[in-house]
Amino acid sequence: MNKQEVLKVDSLKQTLFRYFGQNESALCTKCEKPFLGHRHYERKGLAYCETHYNQLFGDVCYHCNRVIEGDVVSALNKAWCVSCFSCSTCNTKLTLKVAGSA
């Protein structure tokens, strides 16, 4: 990106800040897009959109080796997608029960 393009991007950011009344933390650190009411996450003082947070810091499923989006099943110091969590012997899908529920 040349200097003129950087200035255009900075100008656009300033316009967005004025229009939405937000500061720089309202942008994803990775893609620099504004959150505009969408879910976002913070890590070590930096803000990320949901997509980039999952890509950078999300749990990876022990079975399918993909970043887990949604609920994570943790067992034996590993993480699984809910859809991948199954018996290692017979491959029967295991369901989760929340403590205290019937």
Protein backbone atom coordinates (compact mmCIF):
# COMPACT_ATOMS: atom_id res chain seq x y z
CA MET A 1 0.00 0.00 0.00
CA ASN A 2 1.49 3.34 -0.99
CA LYS A 3 1.41 6.51 1.12
CA GLN A 4 -1.61 7.96 -0.71
CA GLU A 5 -3.62 4.76 -0.16
CA VAL A 6 -2.68 4.77 3.54
CA LEU A 7 -3.90 8.36 3.83
CA LYS A 8 -7.20 7.41 2.17
CA VAL A 9 -7.67 4.51 4.60
CA ASP A 10 -6.85 6.76 7.57
CA SER A 11 -9.31 9.35 6.30
CA LEU A 12 -12.00 6.69 5.94
CA LYS A 13 -11.36 5.50 9.51
CA GLN A 14 -11.68 9.06 10.82
CA THR A 15 -14.95 9.50 8.92
CA LEU A 16 -16.31 6.27 10.38
CA PHE A 17 -15.28 7.33 13.88
CA ARG A 18 -17.04 10.69 13.52
CA TYR A 19 -20.16 9.14 11.98
CA PHE A 20 -20.56 6.28 14.45
CA GLY A 21 -19.02 8.04 17.44
CA GLN A 22 -16.62 5.18 17.97
CA ASN A 23 -12.91 4.95 18.60
CA GLU A 24 -10.23 2.76 17.06
CA SER A 25 -11.09 -0.19 19.32
CA ALA A 26 -14.35 -0.49 17.30
CA LEU A 27 -12.35 -2.01 14.42
CA CYS A 28 -11.06 -5.54 14.03
CA THR A 29 -7.30 -5.60 14.55
CA LYS A 30 -6.87 -8.06 11.66
CA CYS A 31 -9.24 -6.86 8.91
CA GLU A 32 -9.81 -3.28 10.19
CA LYS A 33 -13.55 -3.48 9.52
CA PRO A 34 -15.88 -1.79 12.01
CA PHE A 35 -17.98 -4.06 14.26
CA LEU A 36 -21.16 -1.99 13.79
CA GLY A 37 -23.07 -3.95 16.40
CA HIS A 38 -21.69 -7.37 15.43
CA ARG A 39 -20.13 -9.68 17.99
CA HIS A 40 -16.47 -9.09 18.71
CA TYR A 41 -13.85 -10.33 21.13
CA GLU A 42 -10.83 -8.85 22.87
CA ARG A 43 -7.48 -10.42 23.65
CA LYS A 44 -4.53 -8.64 25.26
CA GLY A 45 -6.22 -5.28 24.71
CA LEU A 46 -6.83 -5.82 20.99
CA ALA A 47 -10.29 -6.25 19.44
CA TYR A 48 -11.16 -8.85 16.78
CA CYS A 49 -14.25 -9.72 14.75
CA GLU A 50 -15.65 -13.18 15.50
CA THR A 51 -14.16 -14.71 12.33
CA HIS A 52 -10.61 -13.52 12.94
CA TYR A 53 -10.70 -14.23 16.67
CA ASN A 54 -11.67 -17.85 15.93
CA GLN A 55 -8.99 -18.15 13.24
CA LEU A 56 -6.26 -16.75 15.47
CA PHE A 57 -7.18 -18.03 18.92
CA GLY A 58 -10.03 -20.52 18.60
CA ASP A 59 -10.00 -24.14 19.67
CA VAL A 60 -9.20 -26.66 16.94
CA CYS A 61 -11.29 -29.85 16.87
CA TYR A 62 -9.25 -32.94 17.74
CA HIS A 63 -11.25 -35.00 15.20
CA CYS A 64 -11.76 -32.77 12.12
CA ASN A 65 -8.85 -30.36 12.73
CA ARG A 66 -11.02 -27.27 12.01
CA VAL A 67 -11.47 -24.17 14.14
CA ILE A 68 -14.51 -24.79 16.32
CA GLU A 69 -17.33 -22.32 15.85
CA GLY A 70 -20.04 -22.48 18.47
CA ASP A 71 -20.01 -24.84 21.44
CA VAL A 72 -16.79 -26.63 22.35
CA VAL A 73 -16.66 -30.03 24.03
CA SER A 74 -13.59 -30.34 26.25
CA ALA A 75 -12.47 -33.73 27.52
CA LEU A 76 -9.10 -35.37 28.21
CA ASN A 77 -7.33 -32.04 27.59
CA LYS A 78 -8.64 -31.92 24.01
CA ALA A 79 -11.41 -29.98 22.24
CA TRP A 80 -14.08 -31.26 19.84
CA CYS A 81 -16.90 -29.79 17.77
CA VAL A 82 -20.24 -30.92 19.19
CA SER A 83 -20.89 -32.77 15.91
CA CYS A 84 -17.53 -34.61 16.06
CA PHE A 85 -17.72 -35.71 19.70
CA SER A 86 -18.29 -39.47 19.53
CA CYS A 87 -17.17 -42.76 21.00
CA SER A 88 -13.70 -43.66 19.74
CA THR A 89 -14.60 -47.37 19.67
CA CYS A 90 -18.03 -47.48 17.99
CA ASN A 91 -18.34 -43.89 16.64
CA THR A 92 -21.73 -43.39 18.35
CA LYS A 93 -22.36 -39.68 18.75
CA LEU A 94 -22.15 -38.66 22.39
CA THR A 95 -24.64 -36.14 23.73
CA LEU A 96 -23.95 -33.58 26.40
CA LYS A 97 -25.86 -33.32 29.63
CA VAL A 98 -25.69 -30.17 31.69
CA ALA A 99 -25.17 -30.77 35.40
CA GLY A 100 -28.47 -30.51 37.28
CA SER A 101 -30.70 -31.09 34.23
CA ALA A 102 -32.94 -34.10 33.83
